[in-house]
Amino acid sequence: LLTRFGTPLKSLIDYCGGMDERANKVILGGPMMGIAQFDLDFPAVKGTNSILVTESRPLREQDCISCGKCIEICPMRLMPTLLARYAKAGRYDDCREAYIDDCFECGACTYTCPANIPLVQYIKIAKKELAKRKAGK
């Protein structure tokens, strides 16, 4: 579907058949790196390459079961579960030593985690904290 910049997301979704009653989440971009939208009046912009309308079910984070799926899927060969554990504990220097800056936040680890751990969110928090520390020096 080709559209003009500035077209509201709601108009595009309606053109494609609209949303059914179960749909409660709209994501610009793909399911792993896309950004959730809370306002359907948000316009299509230059970077809008897809609109995903889906049902979002709240998932409760559980303890890591050490399955290794996040490590296996990581394109940078990092250990996302270790980075998340360090971030949760506030051990940001350990995150740096575990090469957190090599993570480009693709979301593959979070997507594959059977324990529903928001690994990328923890990684983002740690990166922000490390950036704050660097700026404060």
Protein backbone atom coordinates (compact mmCIF):
# COMPACT_ATOMS: atom_id res chain seq x y z
CA LEU A 1 0.00 0.00 0.00
CA LEU A 2 1.49 3.32 -1.02
CA THR A 3 0.41 6.36 0.94
CA ARG A 4 1.27 9.99 1.49
CA PHE A 5 3.29 11.12 4.48
CA GLY A 6 0.98 12.42 7.17
CA THR A 7 -1.84 9.95 6.58
CA PRO A 8 -3.16 8.90 10.02
CA LEU A 9 -2.58 5.27 10.96
CA LYS A 10 -6.30 4.84 11.61
CA SER A 11 -7.07 5.70 7.97
CA LEU A 12 -4.55 3.15 6.72
CA ILE A 13 -5.84 0.44 9.05
CA ASP A 14 -9.45 1.16 8.06
CA TYR A 15 -8.49 1.00 4.37
CA CYS A 16 -7.06 -2.48 4.95
CA GLY A 17 -10.19 -3.79 6.66
CA GLY A 18 -9.95 -2.25 10.11
CA MET A 19 -9.29 -3.85 13.47
CA ASP A 20 -11.40 -6.58 15.04
CA GLU A 21 -12.44 -6.51 18.69
CA ARG A 22 -9.44 -8.59 19.84
CA ALA A 23 -6.84 -6.24 18.36
CA ASN A 24 -5.45 -3.95 21.02
CA LYS A 25 -1.90 -3.24 19.92
CA VAL A 26 -0.57 -1.34 16.91
CA ILE A 27 3.13 -1.52 16.08
CA LEU A 28 4.98 0.53 13.49
CA GLY A 29 7.62 -1.75 12.05
CA GLY A 30 8.04 -5.45 12.70
CA PRO A 31 7.15 -7.48 15.77
CA MET A 32 10.70 -7.49 17.16
CA MET A 33 12.05 -4.00 16.55
CA GLY A 34 8.83 -2.10 15.93
CA ILE A 35 7.54 0.66 18.17
CA ALA A 36 4.11 0.39 19.79
CA GLN A 37 1.74 3.22 18.93
CA PHE A 38 -0.84 4.47 21.38
CA ASP A 39 -2.43 7.12 19.18
CA LEU A 40 -3.96 6.03 15.88
CA ASP A 41 -3.95 9.66 14.76
CA PHE A 42 -0.16 9.34 14.52
CA PRO A 43 0.84 9.99 10.90
CA ALA A 44 2.67 7.74 8.49
CA VAL A 45 6.21 9.08 8.20
CA LYS A 46 9.18 8.43 5.96
CA GLY A 47 10.33 5.42 8.01
CA THR A 48 6.91 3.75 8.14
CA ASN A 49 7.45 0.45 6.36
CA SER A 50 4.74 -1.62 8.02
CA ILE A 51 1.87 -1.46 10.49
CA LEU A 52 1.24 -4.51 12.63
CA VAL A 53 -2.15 -4.82 14.33
CA THR A 54 -2.24 -7.59 16.89
CA GLU A 55 -3.67 -8.85 20.14
CA SER A 56 -1.45 -8.21 23.11
CA ARG A 57 -1.73 -10.51 26.08
CA PRO A 58 0.04 -9.50 29.26
CA LEU A 59 2.71 -12.04 30.07
CA ARG A 60 4.18 -12.41 33.52
CA GLU A 61 7.96 -12.43 33.69
CA GLN A 62 9.28 -15.63 35.21
CA ASP A 63 12.69 -16.70 36.43
CA CYS A 64 15.23 -17.64 33.77
CA ILE A 65 15.15 -21.37 33.07
CA SER A 66 18.67 -21.35 31.57
CA CYS A 67 17.49 -22.78 28.26
CA GLY A 68 20.08 -20.80 26.28
CA LYS A 69 17.67 -19.80 23.50
CA CYS A 70 18.55 -16.11 23.86
CA ILE A 71 22.25 -16.86 23.56
CA GLU A 72 21.70 -19.15 20.60
CA ILE A 73 19.62 -16.58 18.69
CA CYS A 74 21.77 -13.52 19.44
CA PRO A 75 23.38 -12.38 16.16
CA MET A 76 26.20 -10.73 18.13
CA ARG A 77 26.91 -13.89 20.16
CA LEU A 78 26.24 -12.09 23.44
CA MET A 79 24.70 -13.50 26.61
CA PRO A 80 21.47 -11.50 26.95
CA THR A 81 20.38 -13.30 30.10
CA LEU A 82 23.64 -12.37 31.81
CA LEU A 83 23.34 -8.74 30.68
CA ALA A 84 19.77 -8.60 32.00
CA ARG A 85 20.80 -10.12 35.31
CA TYR A 86 23.58 -7.55 35.70
CA ALA A 87 21.23 -4.72 34.74
CA LYS A 88 18.58 -5.82 37.24
CA ALA A 89 21.22 -5.86 39.97
CA GLY A 90 22.58 -2.45 38.98
CA ARG A 91 25.95 -3.96 38.01
CA TYR A 92 26.42 -1.71 35.00
CA ASP A 93 30.21 -1.98 34.89
CA ASP A 94 29.81 -5.75 34.57
CA CYS A 95 27.43 -5.10 31.66
CA ARG A 96 30.15 -3.13 29.91
CA GLU A 97 32.64 -5.95 30.48
CA ALA A 98 30.11 -8.37 28.96
CA TYR A 99 30.09 -6.23 25.77
CA ILE A 100 26.66 -4.64 26.20
CA ASP A 101 27.62 -1.94 23.69
CA ASP A 102 27.79 -4.61 20.97
CA CYS A 103 24.05 -5.27 21.37
CA PHE A 104 22.04 -3.48 18.69
CA GLU A 105 18.72 -4.27 20.40
CA CYS A 106 17.21 -6.41 17.65
CA GLY A 107 14.81 -8.06 20.11
CA ALA A 108 15.48 -11.64 19.03
CA CYS A 109 16.39 -12.65 22.59
CA THR A 110 13.20 -11.25 24.09
CA TYR A 111 11.11 -12.78 21.32
CA THR A 112 12.47 -16.29 21.93
CA CYS A 113 12.55 -16.22 25.74
CA PRO A 114 10.10 -18.83 27.12
CA ALA A 115 10.28 -17.16 30.56
CA ASN A 116 8.93 -13.89 29.09
CA ILE A 117 11.90 -11.90 30.37
CA PRO A 118 12.04 -8.48 28.67
CA LEU A 119 15.76 -8.85 27.98
CA VAL A 120 16.04 -5.94 25.54
CA GLN A 121 14.35 -3.58 27.99
CA TYR A 122 16.88 -4.45 30.69
CA ILE A 123 19.71 -3.99 28.20
CA LYS A 124 18.34 -0.57 27.18
CA ILE A 125 18.13 0.49 30.83
CA ALA A 126 21.75 -0.51 31.42
CA LYS A 127 22.91 1.28 28.28
CA LYS A 128 21.13 4.46 29.36
CA GLU A 129 22.72 4.28 32.80
CA LEU A 130 26.17 3.75 31.31
CA ALA A 131 25.62 6.71 28.95
CA LYS A 132 24.58 8.89 31.91
CA ARG A 133 27.71 7.91 33.78
CA LYS A 134 29.89 8.64 30.77
CA ALA A 135 28.27 12.06 30.26
CA GLY A 136 28.69 12.87 33.96
CA LYS A 137 32.46 12.34 33.88
